Each structure stands twice: as structure tokens, then as C-alpha cells.
Amino acid sequence: MADFRAERMPSPEGEGRAKAALEGAWDKYYGANKAVNDQLYAALPFLKSMMRGYTTSNVFDLFGFWVCWRLVGGFDGMQQQFGMSRSSLYRRIALFRRVFGEHPDVYDFPGISVDPALFAMGMAAPKPPTEEG
């Protein structure tokens, strides 16, 4: 197994590409929604702190669920590749629909595309040898 501790990145952010892209997008989003959010949080000040942990965790999990759904071919792929039970899948699909309003098979995250064929080829490609062998 490779030990990447000897090949440290400059920071936990790696090269910082994802962080820079998000900061640019966040500035645009924040500017467009600031007035609405200010009014909402002024009316319900507890809302921001009460929902932060729950929503962050669920959205993070559901986004990963959506990516995996797309990469492995949906319901059957999730069962075969990850061993997920039917009931577990139905619960996740229901939660995804409550949060995003659509089934994960038809929902598209703006700005994100998933290419299962390219992913499979990349995962199957030989990895460069490490110092350990």
C-alpha cells in the first residue's frame, strides 16, 4: 500500500483549485441572495444555527449518493457494487427527492457532469509505481 505521507501537499487543500473555484462561485451566489437571506435570518434568527449541522451533513451525503448513483448505473448498480439493500436505497431516494425535488436519476446539479465511462477507464488504468513497489 502506498504511503503518501512522504509526498505531502503544500496544505490540506492540495493545490487549492477546489477552494478557489468555490470562493469565486460563493461570492456570486452570496451577492445574489444576501438581501433575501438577511430578511429570513432577521425574522428567524435561530434558523441558521439550528439547521447548519443537519443540512450540511445530509446535503454532503446526498451529493455523494447522487455521484455514486450516476457512476455505477443507478439502483441495480448501487445494489451490486456497494451491497446496498433495497430499503436503504428507497430511503435515500425519498430523502433525495425531499431535499432536491427530483429523483437522483433525473436531477442534474448545475455545473457538474459525471462521465461513468471515463471514470471506469481511469479507475482501470495502471497506476504509476510507488517507492514501495
C-alpha atoms as a PDB file:
ATOM      1  CA  MET A   1       0.000   0.000   0.000  1.00  0.00           C
ATOM      2  CA  ALA A   2       1.316   3.432  -0.916  1.00  0.00           C
ATOM      3  CA  ASP A   3       2.350   5.801   1.854  1.00  0.00           C
ATOM      4  CA  PHE A   4       1.644   9.353   0.705  1.00  0.00           C
ATOM      5  CA  ARG A   5       2.971  10.974   3.872  1.00  0.00           C
ATOM      6  CA  ALA A   6       6.350  11.412   2.171  1.00  0.00           C
ATOM      7  CA  GLU A   7       4.694  13.196  -0.763  1.00  0.00           C
ATOM      8  CA  ARG A   8       2.880  15.864   1.221  1.00  0.00           C
ATOM      9  CA  MET A   9       0.914  18.585  -0.499  1.00  0.00           C
ATOM     10  CA  PRO A  10       1.641  22.187   0.483  1.00  0.00           C
ATOM     11  CA  SER A  11      -1.566  22.249   2.545  1.00  0.00           C
ATOM     12  CA  PRO A  12      -4.627  20.100   3.280  1.00  0.00           C
ATOM     13  CA  GLU A  13      -6.241  21.943   0.340  1.00  0.00           C
ATOM     14  CA  GLY A  14      -3.753  20.386  -2.099  1.00  0.00           C
ATOM     15  CA  GLU A  15      -3.178  22.998  -4.778  1.00  0.00           C
ATOM     16  CA  GLY A  16      -6.276  24.901  -3.722  1.00  0.00           C
ATOM     17  CA  ARG A  17      -8.163  24.549  -7.021  1.00  0.00           C
ATOM     18  CA  ALA A  18     -11.459  23.424  -5.490  1.00  0.00           C
ATOM     19  CA  LYS A  19     -11.273  26.125  -2.825  1.00  0.00           C
ATOM     20  CA  ALA A  20     -10.577  28.887  -5.349  1.00  0.00           C
ATOM     21  CA  ALA A  21     -13.412  27.747  -7.614  1.00  0.00           C
ATOM     22  CA  LEU A  22     -15.846  27.601  -4.707  1.00  0.00           C
ATOM     23  CA  GLU A  23     -14.847  31.001  -3.367  1.00  0.00           C
ATOM     24  CA  GLY A  24     -15.469  32.565  -6.769  1.00  0.00           C
ATOM     25  CA  ALA A  25     -18.852  30.870  -7.095  1.00  0.00           C
ATOM     26  CA  TRP A  26     -19.791  31.677  -3.499  1.00  0.00           C
ATOM     27  CA  ASP A  27     -19.128  35.380  -3.998  1.00  0.00           C
ATOM     28  CA  LYS A  28     -21.606  35.423  -6.900  1.00  0.00           C
ATOM     29  CA  TYR A  29     -24.199  33.362  -5.027  1.00  0.00           C
ATOM     30  CA  TYR A  30     -23.875  35.371  -1.827  1.00  0.00           C
ATOM     31  CA  GLY A  31     -24.242  38.647  -3.651  1.00  0.00           C
ATOM     32  CA  ALA A  32     -27.402  37.465  -5.395  1.00  0.00           C
ATOM     33  CA  ASN A  33     -29.035  36.061  -2.259  1.00  0.00           C
ATOM     34  CA  LYS A  34     -27.827  38.379   0.505  1.00  0.00           C
ATOM     35  CA  ALA A  35     -30.960  40.541   0.654  1.00  0.00           C
ATOM     36  CA  VAL A  36     -33.313  37.557   0.869  1.00  0.00           C
ATOM     37  CA  ASN A  37     -31.166  35.730   3.417  1.00  0.00           C
ATOM     38  CA  ASP A  38     -30.798  38.815   5.608  1.00  0.00           C
ATOM     39  CA  GLN A  39     -34.581  39.175   5.831  1.00  0.00           C
ATOM     40  CA  LEU A  40     -35.078  35.465   6.534  1.00  0.00           C
ATOM     41  CA  TYR A  41     -32.445  35.334   9.275  1.00  0.00           C
ATOM     42  CA  ALA A  42     -33.734  38.581  10.812  1.00  0.00           C
ATOM     43  CA  ALA A  43     -37.212  37.061  11.083  1.00  0.00           C
ATOM     44  CA  LEU A  44     -35.970  33.650  12.283  1.00  0.00           C
ATOM     45  CA  PRO A  45     -32.548  34.172  13.906  1.00  0.00           C
ATOM     46  CA  PHE A  46     -32.346  30.618  15.280  1.00  0.00           C
ATOM     47  CA  LEU A  47     -32.751  29.082  11.816  1.00  0.00           C
ATOM     48  CA  LYS A  48     -29.149  29.466  10.726  1.00  0.00           C
ATOM     49  CA  SER A  49     -27.538  27.795  13.735  1.00  0.00           C
ATOM     50  CA  MET A  50     -30.265  25.179  14.214  1.00  0.00           C
ATOM     51  CA  MET A  51     -30.152  23.735  10.699  1.00  0.00           C
ATOM     52  CA  ARG A  52     -26.453  24.100   9.816  1.00  0.00           C
ATOM     53  CA  GLY A  53     -25.137  20.746  11.057  1.00  0.00           C
ATOM     54  CA  TYR A  54     -28.117  18.732   9.886  1.00  0.00           C
ATOM     55  CA  THR A  55     -28.340  20.240   6.432  1.00  0.00           C
ATOM     56  CA  THR A  56     -24.609  20.234   5.789  1.00  0.00           C
ATOM     57  CA  SER A  57     -24.294  16.568   6.660  1.00  0.00           C
ATOM     58  CA  ASN A  58     -27.357  15.497   4.671  1.00  0.00           C
ATOM     59  CA  VAL A  59     -26.523  17.531   1.591  1.00  0.00           C
ATOM     60  CA  PHE A  60     -22.966  16.190   1.644  1.00  0.00           C
ATOM     61  CA  ASP A  61     -24.233  12.606   1.910  1.00  0.00           C
ATOM     62  CA  LEU A  62     -26.906  13.092  -0.747  1.00  0.00           C
ATOM     63  CA  PHE A  63     -24.436  14.654  -3.161  1.00  0.00           C
ATOM     64  CA  GLY A  64     -22.150  11.625  -2.750  1.00  0.00           C
ATOM     65  CA  PHE A  65     -25.162   9.350  -3.211  1.00  0.00           C
ATOM     66  CA  TRP A  66     -26.016  11.159  -6.469  1.00  0.00           C
ATOM     67  CA  VAL A  67     -22.443  10.870  -7.779  1.00  0.00           C
ATOM     68  CA  CYS A  68     -22.287   7.150  -6.949  1.00  0.00           C
ATOM     69  CA  TRP A  69     -25.752   6.612  -8.443  1.00  0.00           C
ATOM     70  CA  ARG A  70     -24.527   8.102 -11.711  1.00  0.00           C
ATOM     71  CA  LEU A  71     -21.182   6.297 -11.727  1.00  0.00           C
ATOM     72  CA  VAL A  72     -22.491   2.780 -11.065  1.00  0.00           C
ATOM     73  CA  GLY A  73     -25.684   2.874 -13.106  1.00  0.00           C
ATOM     74  CA  GLY A  74     -28.479   3.576 -10.676  1.00  0.00           C
ATOM     75  CA  PHE A  75     -30.491   1.274  -8.445  1.00  0.00           C
ATOM     76  CA  ASP A  76     -29.103  -2.061  -9.649  1.00  0.00           C
ATOM     77  CA  GLY A  77     -25.548  -0.748  -9.676  1.00  0.00           C
ATOM     78  CA  MET A  78     -25.847   0.547  -6.120  1.00  0.00           C
ATOM     79  CA  GLN A  79     -27.035  -2.885  -5.006  1.00  0.00           C
ATOM     80  CA  GLN A  80     -24.367  -4.798  -6.922  1.00  0.00           C
ATOM     81  CA  GLN A  81     -21.370  -2.506  -6.446  1.00  0.00           C
ATOM     82  CA  PHE A  82     -21.993  -1.285  -2.902  1.00  0.00           C
ATOM     83  CA  GLY A  83     -24.230  -4.009  -1.498  1.00  0.00           C
ATOM     84  CA  MET A  84     -26.947  -1.525  -0.543  1.00  0.00           C
ATOM     85  CA  SER A  85     -30.275  -3.037   0.432  1.00  0.00           C
ATOM     86  CA  ARG A  86     -33.459  -2.154  -1.419  1.00  0.00           C
ATOM     87  CA  SER A  87     -34.925  -0.486   1.664  1.00  0.00           C
ATOM     88  CA  SER A  88     -31.784   1.595   2.189  1.00  0.00           C
ATOM     89  CA  LEU A  89     -31.898   2.733  -1.417  1.00  0.00           C
ATOM     90  CA  TYR A  90     -35.579   3.623  -1.223  1.00  0.00           C
ATOM     91  CA  ARG A  91     -34.951   5.680   1.938  1.00  0.00           C
ATOM     92  CA  ARG A  92     -32.089   7.580   0.273  1.00  0.00           C
ATOM     93  CA  ILE A  93     -34.095   8.168  -2.881  1.00  0.00           C
ATOM     94  CA  ALA A  94     -37.004   9.506  -0.812  1.00  0.00           C
ATOM     95  CA  LEU A  95     -34.694  11.823   1.140  1.00  0.00           C
ATOM     96  CA  PHE A  96     -33.018  12.991  -2.073  1.00  0.00           C
ATOM     97  CA  ARG A  97     -36.420  13.803  -3.553  1.00  0.00           C
ATOM     98  CA  ARG A  98     -37.470  15.721  -0.419  1.00  0.00           C
ATOM     99  CA  VAL A  99     -34.295  17.807  -0.484  1.00  0.00           C
ATOM    100  CA  PHE A 100     -33.786  18.357  -4.237  1.00  0.00           C
ATOM    101  CA  GLY A 101     -37.318  17.837  -5.540  1.00  0.00           C
ATOM    102  CA  GLU A 102     -36.451  15.150  -8.085  1.00  0.00           C
ATOM    103  CA  HIS A 103     -35.282  11.550  -8.322  1.00  0.00           C
ATOM    104  CA  PRO A 104     -31.455  11.225  -8.413  1.00  0.00           C
ATOM    105  CA  ASP A 105     -31.725   9.633 -11.847  1.00  0.00           C
ATOM    106  CA  VAL A 106     -33.168  12.791 -13.395  1.00  0.00           C
ATOM    107  CA  TYR A 107     -31.721  15.522 -11.177  1.00  0.00           C
ATOM    108  CA  ASP A 108     -28.716  17.431 -12.515  1.00  0.00           C
ATOM    109  CA  PHE A 109     -26.526  19.552 -10.283  1.00  0.00           C
ATOM    110  CA  PRO A 110     -25.779  22.761 -12.173  1.00  0.00           C
ATOM    111  CA  GLY A 111     -22.152  22.878 -13.213  1.00  0.00           C
ATOM    112  CA  ILE A 112     -21.445  19.198 -12.503  1.00  0.00           C
ATOM    113  CA  SER A 113     -21.250  16.398 -15.021  1.00  0.00           C
ATOM    114  CA  VAL A 114     -20.433  12.760 -14.406  1.00  0.00           C
ATOM    115  CA  ASP A 115     -18.886  10.533 -17.079  1.00  0.00           C
ATOM    116  CA  PRO A 116     -19.167   6.877 -15.982  1.00  0.00           C
ATOM    117  CA  ALA A 117     -17.159   5.570 -18.943  1.00  0.00           C
ATOM    118  CA  LEU A 118     -14.262   7.952 -18.319  1.00  0.00           C
ATOM    119  CA  PHE A 119     -14.394   7.179 -14.600  1.00  0.00           C
ATOM    120  CA  ALA A 120     -14.271   3.421 -15.248  1.00  0.00           C
ATOM    121  CA  MET A 121     -11.343   3.801 -17.662  1.00  0.00           C
ATOM    122  CA  GLY A 122      -9.479   5.981 -15.177  1.00  0.00           C
ATOM    123  CA  MET A 123     -10.002   3.519 -12.356  1.00  0.00           C
ATOM    124  CA  ALA A 124      -8.866   0.622 -14.562  1.00  0.00           C
ATOM    125  CA  ALA A 125      -5.736   2.412 -15.818  1.00  0.00           C
ATOM    126  CA  PRO A 126      -2.456   1.174 -14.374  1.00  0.00           C
ATOM    127  CA  LYS A 127      -1.223   3.303 -11.509  1.00  0.00           C
ATOM    128  CA  PRO A 128       2.361   4.576 -11.515  1.00  0.00           C
ATOM    129  CA  PRO A 129       4.690   2.517  -9.350  1.00  0.00           C
ATOM    130  CA  THR A 130       5.416   3.823  -5.881  1.00  0.00           C
ATOM    131  CA  GLU A 131       8.685   3.738  -3.993  1.00  0.00           C
ATOM    132  CA  GLU A 132       7.435   0.721  -2.098  1.00  0.00           C
ATOM    133  CA  GLY A 133       6.941  -1.312  -5.242  1.00  0.00           C
END
